[in-house]
Amino acid sequence: MSINNIACIGAGYDAEPTMSVIAQKNPDIKVTVVDLNVDRINAWNNENLDNLPVYEPGLNAVAAEARRRNLFFSSDVKNKVIADADMIFISVNTPTKAYVKRKDQVADLKFIKLCARQIADVATSSKIIVEKSTISVRTAATIKSILDHTGRGVQFHVLSNPEFLAEGTAIQDLHNPDHILIGGENQGAIQALEQIYEAWVPSERIITTNLWSSELSKLVAHAFLAQRVSSINSLSELCEVTGTNVDEVANAIGQDSRIRAKFLKGSVGFGGSCFQKDLLNLVYIGKCYNLN
């Protein structure tokens, strides 16, 4: 499958740096980020790169190279960009629901479903849909169900391509990723996304799985990382009462190739917008399958 136009629905911390690097490394592909937040889109279109709505070391240089060459930003989410795109990334928020039992654990897919409906409304040609948002396992089936009811005979292939970025090192993580994960059912669609990443990522770092394994992997990764933070913090109490230095212990065990050093800094615990939400969502999914 030949990819000439990419659209990304949703502007935000993960989407904008990712689309910027994809555009930088694939100058022959037009990449357009669309979002309802007019102020954010205007900031991206501002002549002064210091006004970008995201601060990441190295992002200004990437934007300076790609913006207005083949990287564009629009606030018209129902415009021709979506209709013309060969591949559409969905990168919108998936907050926890606020109106059901166990509301602190359930991922709210309303924005994902809205994106699928927007695509279905304007699509007149076959498209590859790429999940970038952190979602529950089997969300792709929900997206596909909405897309397949357009009534126009348009063919859609849904892929999962979760992001593994850290704040402060996002551009470094994108330029030199540990791995790229792509899950899907259609080999042609998978290869089309692989080719985009192969513009700068060695092929041996690109992992392909079935759709469901890829969707679940992001939640599992965050659960493991949260577990590491919690484990070193629980051991810090033992270090205090025994006169041990937790940083020295963390450094010592971090030299073990089976453990490694990342996320072993004794501190106040894990926070941010992802770890707690995704860990609780993983717990909820398990309970839905009677895995207590």
Protein backbone atom coordinates (compact mmCIF):
# COMPACT_ATOMS: atom_id res chain seq x y z
CA MET A 1 0.00 0.00 0.00
CA SER A 2 1.39 3.38 -1.03
CA ILE A 3 1.11 6.14 1.60
CA ASN A 4 1.22 9.73 0.33
CA ASN A 5 -0.99 11.53 2.85
CA ILE A 6 -1.13 11.04 6.61
CA ALA A 7 -3.60 12.71 8.96
CA CYS A 8 -3.49 12.65 12.74
CA ILE A 9 -6.66 13.40 14.68
CA GLY A 10 -5.69 14.84 18.04
CA ALA A 11 -2.97 17.25 19.05
CA GLY A 12 -1.14 16.61 22.28
CA TYR A 13 2.03 15.58 24.02
CA ASP A 14 2.43 12.26 22.16
CA ALA A 15 0.89 13.19 18.83
CA GLU A 16 2.71 16.36 17.89
CA PRO A 17 6.32 15.23 18.45
CA THR A 18 5.55 11.87 16.79
CA MET A 19 3.97 13.40 13.70
CA SER A 20 6.77 15.97 13.51
CA VAL A 21 9.45 13.28 13.43
CA ILE A 22 7.49 11.13 10.95
CA ALA A 23 7.26 14.19 8.67
CA GLN A 24 10.94 15.02 9.17
CA LYS A 25 12.06 11.52 8.22
CA ASN A 26 9.54 11.07 5.37
CA PRO A 27 9.75 14.33 3.38
CA ASP A 28 7.73 12.86 0.49
CA ILE A 29 4.70 12.19 2.69
CA LYS A 30 2.30 14.99 3.61
CA VAL A 31 1.49 14.92 7.33
CA THR A 32 -1.38 16.99 8.78
CA VAL A 33 -2.37 17.19 12.46
CA VAL A 34 -6.01 18.19 13.02
CA ASP A 35 -7.54 19.17 16.35
CA LEU A 36 -10.52 21.15 17.66
CA ASN A 37 -8.27 23.24 19.93
CA VAL A 38 -7.86 26.33 17.76
CA ASP A 39 -5.40 28.03 20.12
CA ARG A 40 -3.12 25.01 20.08
CA ILE A 41 -3.22 24.75 16.28
CA ASN A 42 -2.55 28.49 15.96
CA ALA A 43 0.47 28.13 18.22
CA TRP A 44 1.83 25.42 15.92
CA ASN A 45 1.30 27.68 12.92
CA ASN A 46 2.93 30.68 14.62
CA GLU A 47 6.05 31.98 12.87
CA ASN A 48 7.93 32.02 16.18
CA LEU A 49 8.96 28.47 17.06
CA ASP A 50 9.38 29.53 20.68
CA ASN A 51 5.58 29.64 20.86
CA LEU A 52 5.08 25.92 20.21
CA PRO A 53 2.54 24.49 22.71
CA VAL A 54 4.86 21.57 23.53
CA TYR A 55 8.32 21.93 25.00
CA GLU A 56 10.66 19.07 24.23
CA PRO A 57 14.42 19.40 23.69
CA GLY A 58 15.04 19.17 19.95
CA LEU A 59 11.42 19.64 18.88
CA ASN A 60 11.98 23.18 17.58
CA ALA A 61 14.66 21.95 15.17
CA VAL A 62 12.43 19.15 13.90
CA ALA A 63 9.51 21.54 13.41
CA ALA A 64 11.73 24.08 11.66
CA GLU A 65 12.77 21.43 9.14
CA ALA A 66 9.37 19.89 8.43
CA ARG A 67 6.73 22.54 9.14
CA ARG A 68 5.15 23.95 5.97
CA ARG A 69 7.29 21.63 3.87
CA ASN A 70 5.27 18.50 4.53
CA LEU A 71 4.03 19.06 8.11
CA PHE A 72 0.81 21.05 8.56
CA PHE A 73 -1.69 21.84 11.32
CA SER A 74 -5.43 22.45 10.98
CA SER A 75 -8.41 22.99 13.30
CA ASP A 76 -10.94 21.79 10.71
CA VAL A 77 -11.42 18.17 11.78
CA LYS A 78 -14.08 17.49 9.13
CA ASN A 79 -12.14 18.94 6.23
CA LYS A 80 -10.64 17.43 3.10
CA VAL A 81 -7.53 16.35 5.02
CA ILE A 82 -9.34 13.37 6.55
CA ALA A 83 -11.02 12.41 3.28
CA ASP A 84 -7.75 12.52 1.33
CA ALA A 85 -5.56 10.73 3.88
CA ASP A 86 -4.31 7.23 3.09
CA MET A 87 -3.44 6.64 6.75
CA ILE A 88 -5.08 8.25 9.78
CA PHE A 89 -3.59 8.22 13.27
CA ILE A 90 -6.00 8.54 16.18
CA SER A 91 -4.27 10.19 19.13
CA VAL A 92 -6.92 11.57 21.47
CA ASN A 93 -7.37 11.46 25.24
CA THR A 94 -8.80 8.36 26.88
CA PRO A 95 -9.72 9.61 30.36
CA THR A 96 -11.42 7.49 32.97
CA LYS A 97 -15.19 7.44 32.93
CA ALA A 98 -17.02 9.65 35.41
CA TYR A 99 -20.47 8.07 35.31
CA VAL A 100 -20.20 4.32 35.96
CA LYS A 101 -19.35 1.98 38.82
CA ARG A 102 -15.57 1.60 39.15
CA LYS A 103 -15.38 4.91 37.29
CA ASP A 104 -11.75 5.36 38.38
CA GLN A 105 -10.75 2.25 36.42
CA VAL A 106 -12.70 2.33 33.14
CA ALA A 107 -11.17 3.99 30.08
CA ASP A 108 -13.64 6.34 28.39
CA LEU A 109 -13.58 5.72 24.64
CA LYS A 110 -15.97 8.53 23.67
CA PHE A 111 -13.27 10.52 21.87
CA ILE A 112 -12.03 7.40 20.06
CA LYS A 113 -15.58 6.64 18.89
CA LEU A 114 -16.08 10.26 17.82
CA CYS A 115 -12.94 10.06 15.67
CA ALA A 116 -14.18 6.86 14.05
CA ARG A 117 -17.50 8.52 13.22
CA GLN A 118 -15.75 11.58 11.80
CA ILE A 119 -13.66 9.35 9.55
CA ALA A 120 -16.70 7.32 8.51
CA ASP A 121 -18.60 10.51 7.64
CA VAL A 122 -16.07 11.71 5.06
CA ALA A 123 -14.23 8.60 3.85
CA THR A 124 -14.74 7.70 0.20
CA SER A 125 -11.55 5.64 -0.27
CA SER A 126 -9.78 2.83 1.59
CA LYS A 127 -7.82 3.88 4.65
CA ILE A 128 -5.46 2.53 7.29
CA ILE A 129 -6.49 3.63 10.79
CA VAL A 130 -3.72 3.64 13.42
CA GLU A 131 -4.50 3.64 17.15
CA LYS A 132 -1.99 5.84 18.97
CA SER A 133 -4.05 6.51 22.09
CA THR A 134 -3.63 4.31 25.13
CA ILE A 135 -6.73 2.13 25.01
CA SER A 136 -8.26 -1.05 26.40
CA VAL A 137 -7.63 -4.32 24.64
CA ARG A 138 -10.03 -4.97 21.73
CA THR A 139 -10.84 -1.30 21.21
CA ALA A 140 -9.94 -1.85 17.55
CA ALA A 141 -13.07 -3.98 17.19
CA THR A 142 -15.18 -1.02 18.32
CA ILE A 143 -13.46 1.30 15.84
CA LYS A 144 -13.85 -1.21 13.00
CA SER A 145 -17.54 -1.71 13.77
CA ILE A 146 -18.20 2.03 13.47
CA LEU A 147 -16.12 2.38 10.30
CA ASP A 148 -17.68 -0.61 8.55
CA HIS A 149 -21.16 0.90 8.79
CA THR A 150 -20.48 3.82 6.45
CA GLY A 151 -22.64 2.19 3.80
CA ARG A 152 -20.21 3.26 1.06
CA GLY A 153 -18.22 0.07 0.73
CA VAL A 154 -14.99 1.72 1.90
CA GLN A 155 -12.35 -0.71 3.19
CA PHE A 156 -10.65 0.05 6.50
CA HIS A 157 -7.69 -1.67 8.16
CA VAL A 158 -7.10 -0.91 11.85
CA LEU A 159 -3.59 -1.06 13.33
CA SER A 160 -2.33 -0.59 16.87
CA ASN A 161 0.88 1.41 17.25
CA PRO A 162 1.24 2.48 20.90
CA GLU A 163 3.68 5.21 21.86
CA PHE A 164 6.47 4.71 24.38
CA LEU A 165 7.75 8.23 25.10
CA ALA A 166 9.02 9.95 28.24
CA GLU A 167 8.61 13.64 28.92
CA GLY A 168 11.87 15.49 28.38
CA THR A 169 13.34 12.85 26.06
CA ALA A 170 10.50 12.45 23.54
CA ILE A 171 12.50 13.53 20.48
CA GLN A 172 15.46 11.39 21.53
CA ASP A 173 13.08 8.46 22.10
CA LEU A 174 11.54 8.99 18.65
CA HIS A 175 14.85 9.38 16.82
CA ASN A 176 16.39 6.36 18.52
CA PRO A 177 13.58 4.13 19.83
CA ASP A 178 14.17 0.91 21.75
CA HIS A 179 11.48 -0.60 19.57
CA ILE A 180 8.44 0.18 17.45
CA LEU A 181 5.36 -1.96 18.06
CA ILE A 182 2.78 -2.55 15.33
CA GLY A 183 -0.21 -4.83 15.76
CA GLY A 184 -2.64 -5.69 13.01
CA GLU A 185 -4.48 -8.29 10.98
CA ASN A 186 -3.77 -7.15 7.41
CA GLN A 187 -0.18 -7.71 6.29
CA GLY A 188 -0.32 -5.02 3.61
CA ALA A 189 -1.41 -2.39 6.15
CA ILE A 190 1.28 -3.49 8.60
CA GLN A 191 3.96 -3.25 5.92
CA ALA A 192 2.77 0.24 4.93
CA LEU A 193 3.32 1.49 8.50
CA GLU A 194 6.60 -0.43 8.77
CA GLN A 195 7.93 1.36 5.69
CA ILE A 196 7.24 4.74 7.27
CA TYR A 197 9.29 3.87 10.36
CA GLU A 198 12.01 2.16 8.33
CA ALA A 199 12.92 5.60 6.99
CA TRP A 200 15.03 5.91 10.15
CA VAL A 201 14.44 2.91 12.44
CA PRO A 202 16.38 -0.33 11.84
CA SER A 203 13.97 -3.06 10.78
CA GLU A 204 15.09 -5.37 13.60
CA ARG A 205 13.65 -2.87 16.11
CA ILE A 206 10.20 -2.98 14.52
CA ILE A 207 8.09 -5.64 16.24
CA THR A 208 4.84 -6.88 14.74
CA THR A 209 2.15 -8.70 16.71
CA ASN A 210 -1.53 -9.43 16.45
CA LEU A 211 -3.82 -6.49 17.09
CA TRP A 212 -4.83 -7.42 20.62
CA SER A 213 -1.29 -8.08 21.85
CA SER A 214 -0.21 -4.62 20.73
CA GLU A 215 -3.17 -2.91 22.40
CA LEU A 216 -2.52 -4.68 25.70
CA SER A 217 1.26 -4.14 25.64
CA LYS A 218 1.05 -0.42 26.47
CA LEU A 219 -1.01 -1.05 29.61
CA VAL A 220 1.30 -3.89 30.65
CA ALA A 221 4.42 -1.78 30.09
CA HIS A 222 3.06 0.98 32.31
CA ALA A 223 2.09 -1.57 34.96
CA PHE A 224 5.62 -3.00 35.02
CA LEU A 225 7.19 0.46 35.22
CA ALA A 226 4.86 1.50 38.02
CA GLN A 227 5.76 -1.73 39.81
CA ARG A 228 9.49 -0.86 39.63
CA VAL A 229 8.92 2.58 41.12
CA SER A 230 6.77 1.12 43.89
CA SER A 231 9.27 -1.66 44.61
CA ILE A 232 12.31 0.61 45.02
CA ASN A 233 10.24 3.00 47.18
CA SER A 234 9.13 0.19 49.48
CA LEU A 235 12.76 -0.89 49.84
CA SER A 236 13.80 2.67 50.68
CA GLU A 237 12.08 2.25 54.07
CA LEU A 238 14.28 -0.76 54.78
CA CYS A 239 17.31 1.25 53.67
CA GLU A 240 16.46 4.03 56.11
CA VAL A 241 16.16 1.79 59.17
CA THR A 242 19.33 -0.15 58.32
CA GLY A 243 21.49 2.87 57.48
CA THR A 244 21.66 1.86 53.82
CA ASN A 245 21.76 4.33 50.91
CA VAL A 246 18.85 3.56 48.57
CA ASP A 247 20.58 5.28 45.64
CA GLU A 248 23.62 3.06 46.06
CA VAL A 249 21.44 -0.05 46.27
CA ALA A 250 19.51 1.02 43.15
CA ASN A 251 22.76 1.67 41.27
CA ALA A 252 24.17 -1.69 42.31
CA ILE A 253 21.18 -3.76 41.22
CA GLY A 254 20.73 -1.59 38.13
CA GLN A 255 24.06 -2.84 36.81
CA ASP A 256 22.54 -6.32 36.52
CA SER A 257 21.62 -6.81 32.86
CA ARG A 258 18.46 -8.64 33.92
CA ILE A 259 17.23 -5.59 35.85
CA ARG A 260 18.80 -2.46 34.33
CA ALA A 261 18.78 0.98 35.92
CA LYS A 262 15.69 2.79 34.61
CA PHE A 263 12.81 3.60 36.98
CA LEU A 264 14.80 2.63 40.08
CA LYS A 265 15.05 6.12 41.59
CA GLY A 266 13.74 6.14 45.16
CA SER A 267 11.41 9.14 45.45
CA VAL A 268 7.82 10.15 46.13
CA GLY A 269 6.24 7.44 43.98
CA PHE A 270 4.83 7.30 40.49
CA GLY A 271 2.52 10.05 39.28
CA GLY A 272 1.56 11.77 36.07
CA SER A 273 -1.44 11.16 33.88
CA CYS A 274 -0.67 7.64 32.64
CA PHE A 275 0.63 5.12 35.16
CA GLN A 276 -2.24 5.18 37.67
CA LYS A 277 -4.94 5.39 35.00
CA ASP A 278 -3.50 2.59 32.89
CA LEU A 279 -2.72 0.35 35.86
CA LEU A 280 -6.30 0.62 37.13
CA ASN A 281 -7.61 0.01 33.61
CA LEU A 282 -5.54 -3.18 33.44
CA VAL A 283 -7.02 -4.29 36.78
CA TYR A 284 -10.53 -3.56 35.48
CA ILE A 285 -9.95 -5.58 32.31
CA GLY A 286 -8.81 -8.52 34.40
CA LYS A 287 -11.91 -8.33 36.59
CA CYS A 288 -14.13 -8.19 33.49
CA TYR A 289 -12.71 -11.60 32.57
CA ASN A 290 -13.16 -12.87 36.16
CA LEU A 291 -9.43 -12.76 36.81
CA ASN A 292 -9.30 -11.45 40.37
